[in-house]
Amino acid sequence: MTGIDRAKARAMIGKTVLAGMTYLDAQGNALEHRQMAGHVLRINDDEGVVLASAVDGEELFLPPTLDHYTPAAPGDYTLRSMALTISDPDFLCTWDVHLAPGNDP
C-alpha cells in the first residue's frame, strides 16, 4: 500500500461501512442514487476499500481515500433503497461518480 495510510487501513478491517453513491451525467445531473453497506474485507491500492455486502456477502469496491470515511454516530441507519437497517455502523461515506461525456445512458 503506497498511497494508503496503513494504520488506518488496518483499523478499518472488519468494521461496518455505510456508503451512498450518486451517479451524475456529464452535465452534473443526478442519474441514480445507490446505498450499500458491508464489512471491510481488505484495503489496498489496486482494489480500494473492499466490503462484503451486508445483503449477500458479494464484494463491493469503494475508493481508497480513507480520510473520506467518517466515524458514524451510534444508532440505527436505514438504507431506503433496500429496506435494510444497520445498527451502530463504524463509518459513513458518500461519493459522487461523474460519468465522462459520451458515457451517459
C-alpha atoms as a PDB file:
ATOM      1  CA  MET A   1       0.000   0.000   0.000  1.00  0.00           C
ATOM      2  CA  THR A   2       1.790   3.061  -1.149  1.00  0.00           C
ATOM      3  CA  GLY A   3      -0.796   5.873  -1.042  1.00  0.00           C
ATOM      4  CA  ILE A   4      -2.917   4.470   1.773  1.00  0.00           C
ATOM      5  CA  ASP A   5      -2.458   5.157   5.491  1.00  0.00           C
ATOM      6  CA  ARG A   6      -1.559   1.634   6.628  1.00  0.00           C
ATOM      7  CA  ALA A   7      -2.504   2.175  10.272  1.00  0.00           C
ATOM      8  CA  LYS A   8      -5.965   3.499   9.388  1.00  0.00           C
ATOM      9  CA  ALA A   9      -6.455   0.704   6.847  1.00  0.00           C
ATOM     10  CA  ARG A  10      -5.626  -1.947   9.463  1.00  0.00           C
ATOM     11  CA  ALA A  11      -8.005  -0.291  11.948  1.00  0.00           C
ATOM     12  CA  MET A  12     -10.843  -0.366   9.383  1.00  0.00           C
ATOM     13  CA  ILE A  13     -10.628  -4.107   8.634  1.00  0.00           C
ATOM     14  CA  GLY A  14     -13.766  -5.850   9.882  1.00  0.00           C
ATOM     15  CA  LYS A  15     -15.596  -2.579  10.514  1.00  0.00           C
ATOM     16  CA  THR A  16     -19.020  -1.738   9.054  1.00  0.00           C
ATOM     17  CA  VAL A  17     -19.270   0.954   6.377  1.00  0.00           C
ATOM     18  CA  LEU A  18     -22.420   2.583   5.005  1.00  0.00           C
ATOM     19  CA  ALA A  19     -21.905   4.248   1.632  1.00  0.00           C
ATOM     20  CA  GLY A  20     -24.045   6.420  -0.589  1.00  0.00           C
ATOM     21  CA  MET A  21     -23.225   6.762  -4.295  1.00  0.00           C
ATOM     22  CA  THR A  22     -24.697   9.409  -6.600  1.00  0.00           C
ATOM     23  CA  TYR A  23     -24.130   8.889 -10.317  1.00  0.00           C
ATOM     24  CA  LEU A  24     -24.068  12.113 -12.348  1.00  0.00           C
ATOM     25  CA  ASP A  25     -24.114  12.709 -16.083  1.00  0.00           C
ATOM     26  CA  ALA A  26     -21.523  14.905 -17.807  1.00  0.00           C
ATOM     27  CA  GLN A  27     -23.653  17.993 -17.049  1.00  0.00           C
ATOM     28  CA  GLY A  28     -23.851  17.180 -13.338  1.00  0.00           C
ATOM     29  CA  ASN A  29     -27.452  15.932 -13.315  1.00  0.00           C
ATOM     30  CA  ALA A  30     -28.172  13.107 -10.885  1.00  0.00           C
ATOM     31  CA  LEU A  31     -28.968   9.886 -12.732  1.00  0.00           C
ATOM     32  CA  GLU A  32     -29.111   7.381  -9.886  1.00  0.00           C
ATOM     33  CA  HIS A  33     -28.570   7.036  -6.147  1.00  0.00           C
ATOM     34  CA  ARG A  34     -27.332   3.813  -4.580  1.00  0.00           C
ATOM     35  CA  GLN A  35     -26.764   2.818  -0.992  1.00  0.00           C
ATOM     36  CA  MET A  36     -24.613  -0.031   0.231  1.00  0.00           C
ATOM     37  CA  ALA A  37     -23.385  -1.475   3.488  1.00  0.00           C
ATOM     38  CA  GLY A  38     -20.847  -4.080   4.421  1.00  0.00           C
ATOM     39  CA  HIS A  39     -17.860  -5.152   6.459  1.00  0.00           C
ATOM     40  CA  VAL A  40     -14.376  -4.165   5.310  1.00  0.00           C
ATOM     41  CA  LEU A  41     -12.523  -7.229   3.993  1.00  0.00           C
ATOM     42  CA  ARG A  42      -9.359  -5.553   2.733  1.00  0.00           C
ATOM     43  CA  ILE A  43      -7.920  -2.242   1.627  1.00  0.00           C
ATOM     44  CA  ASN A  44      -5.232  -1.837  -0.995  1.00  0.00           C
ATOM     45  CA  ASP A  45      -4.093   0.466  -3.796  1.00  0.00           C
ATOM     46  CA  ASP A  46      -5.366  -1.820  -6.561  1.00  0.00           C
ATOM     47  CA  GLU A  47      -8.901  -2.537  -5.335  1.00  0.00           C
ATOM     48  CA  GLY A  48      -9.553   0.296  -2.898  1.00  0.00           C
ATOM     49  CA  VAL A  49     -11.792  -0.465   0.081  1.00  0.00           C
ATOM     50  CA  VAL A  50     -13.400  -3.885  -0.426  1.00  0.00           C
ATOM     51  CA  LEU A  51     -16.574  -4.650   1.511  1.00  0.00           C
ATOM     52  CA  ALA A  52     -18.519  -7.878   1.973  1.00  0.00           C
ATOM     53  CA  SER A  53     -22.081  -6.756   1.241  1.00  0.00           C
ATOM     54  CA  ALA A  54     -24.440  -6.853   4.226  1.00  0.00           C
ATOM     55  CA  VAL A  55     -27.122  -8.108   1.825  1.00  0.00           C
ATOM     56  CA  ASP A  56     -25.491 -11.053   0.071  1.00  0.00           C
ATOM     57  CA  GLY A  57     -21.790 -11.141   1.003  1.00  0.00           C
ATOM     58  CA  GLU A  58     -20.778 -10.129  -2.535  1.00  0.00           C
ATOM     59  CA  GLU A  59     -17.684  -7.930  -2.765  1.00  0.00           C
ATOM     60  CA  LEU A  60     -18.276  -4.199  -3.174  1.00  0.00           C
ATOM     61  CA  PHE A  61     -15.489  -1.813  -4.166  1.00  0.00           C
ATOM     62  CA  LEU A  62     -15.166   1.753  -2.878  1.00  0.00           C
ATOM     63  CA  PRO A  63     -12.463   4.395  -3.378  1.00  0.00           C
ATOM     64  CA  PRO A  64      -9.372   4.152  -1.145  1.00  0.00           C
ATOM     65  CA  THR A  65      -9.447   7.785   0.065  1.00  0.00           C
ATOM     66  CA  LEU A  66      -9.583   6.827   3.749  1.00  0.00           C
ATOM     67  CA  ASP A  67      -9.977  10.388   5.048  1.00  0.00           C
ATOM     68  CA  HIS A  68     -13.379  10.396   3.337  1.00  0.00           C
ATOM     69  CA  TYR A  69     -14.671   7.659   5.697  1.00  0.00           C
ATOM     70  CA  THR A  70     -16.052   9.444   8.751  1.00  0.00           C
ATOM     71  CA  PRO A  71     -16.966   7.852  12.089  1.00  0.00           C
ATOM     72  CA  ALA A  72     -20.693   7.169  12.379  1.00  0.00           C
ATOM     73  CA  ALA A  73     -22.710   8.234  15.404  1.00  0.00           C
ATOM     74  CA  PRO A  74     -24.280   5.289  17.247  1.00  0.00           C
ATOM     75  CA  GLY A  75     -27.813   4.413  16.195  1.00  0.00           C
ATOM     76  CA  ASP A  76     -29.922   2.698  13.572  1.00  0.00           C
ATOM     77  CA  TYR A  77     -29.406   3.652   9.923  1.00  0.00           C
ATOM     78  CA  THR A  78     -31.986   2.609   7.347  1.00  0.00           C
ATOM     79  CA  LEU A  79     -30.862   2.197   3.750  1.00  0.00           C
ATOM     80  CA  ARG A  80     -34.065   3.174   1.969  1.00  0.00           C
ATOM     81  CA  SER A  81     -33.038   1.696  -1.350  1.00  0.00           C
ATOM     82  CA  MET A  82     -33.034  -1.813   0.099  1.00  0.00           C
ATOM     83  CA  ALA A  83     -35.174  -1.542   3.258  1.00  0.00           C
ATOM     84  CA  LEU A  84     -32.194  -2.610   5.373  1.00  0.00           C
ATOM     85  CA  THR A  85     -31.413  -1.236   8.824  1.00  0.00           C
ATOM     86  CA  ILE A  86     -27.848  -1.322  10.151  1.00  0.00           C
ATOM     87  CA  SER A  87     -27.276  -0.682  13.854  1.00  0.00           C
ATOM     88  CA  ASP A  88     -24.195   1.165  15.054  1.00  0.00           C
ATOM     89  CA  PRO A  89     -22.062   1.198  11.889  1.00  0.00           C
ATOM     90  CA  ASP A  90     -18.461   2.297  12.231  1.00  0.00           C
ATOM     91  CA  PHE A  91     -18.048   4.565   9.185  1.00  0.00           C
ATOM     92  CA  LEU A  92     -20.123   6.604   6.737  1.00  0.00           C
ATOM     93  CA  CYS A  93     -19.119   7.891   3.308  1.00  0.00           C
ATOM     94  CA  THR A  94     -20.748   9.420   0.251  1.00  0.00           C
ATOM     95  CA  TRP A  95     -19.384   9.622  -3.262  1.00  0.00           C
ATOM     96  CA  ASP A  96     -20.327  11.436  -6.468  1.00  0.00           C
ATOM     97  CA  VAL A  97     -19.480   9.459  -9.596  1.00  0.00           C
ATOM     98  CA  HIS A  98     -19.204  11.684 -12.671  1.00  0.00           C
ATOM     99  CA  LEU A  99     -19.729   9.949 -15.996  1.00  0.00           C
ATOM    100  CA  ALA A 100     -17.470  11.119 -18.812  1.00  0.00           C
ATOM    101  CA  PRO A 101     -19.118  12.813 -21.801  1.00  0.00           C
ATOM    102  CA  GLY A 102     -20.380  10.156 -24.199  1.00  0.00           C
ATOM    103  CA  ASN A 103     -20.884   7.617 -21.392  1.00  0.00           C
ATOM    104  CA  ASP A 104     -24.288   8.942 -20.403  1.00  0.00           C
ATOM    105  CA  PRO A 105     -27.085   6.380 -20.560  1.00  0.00           C
END
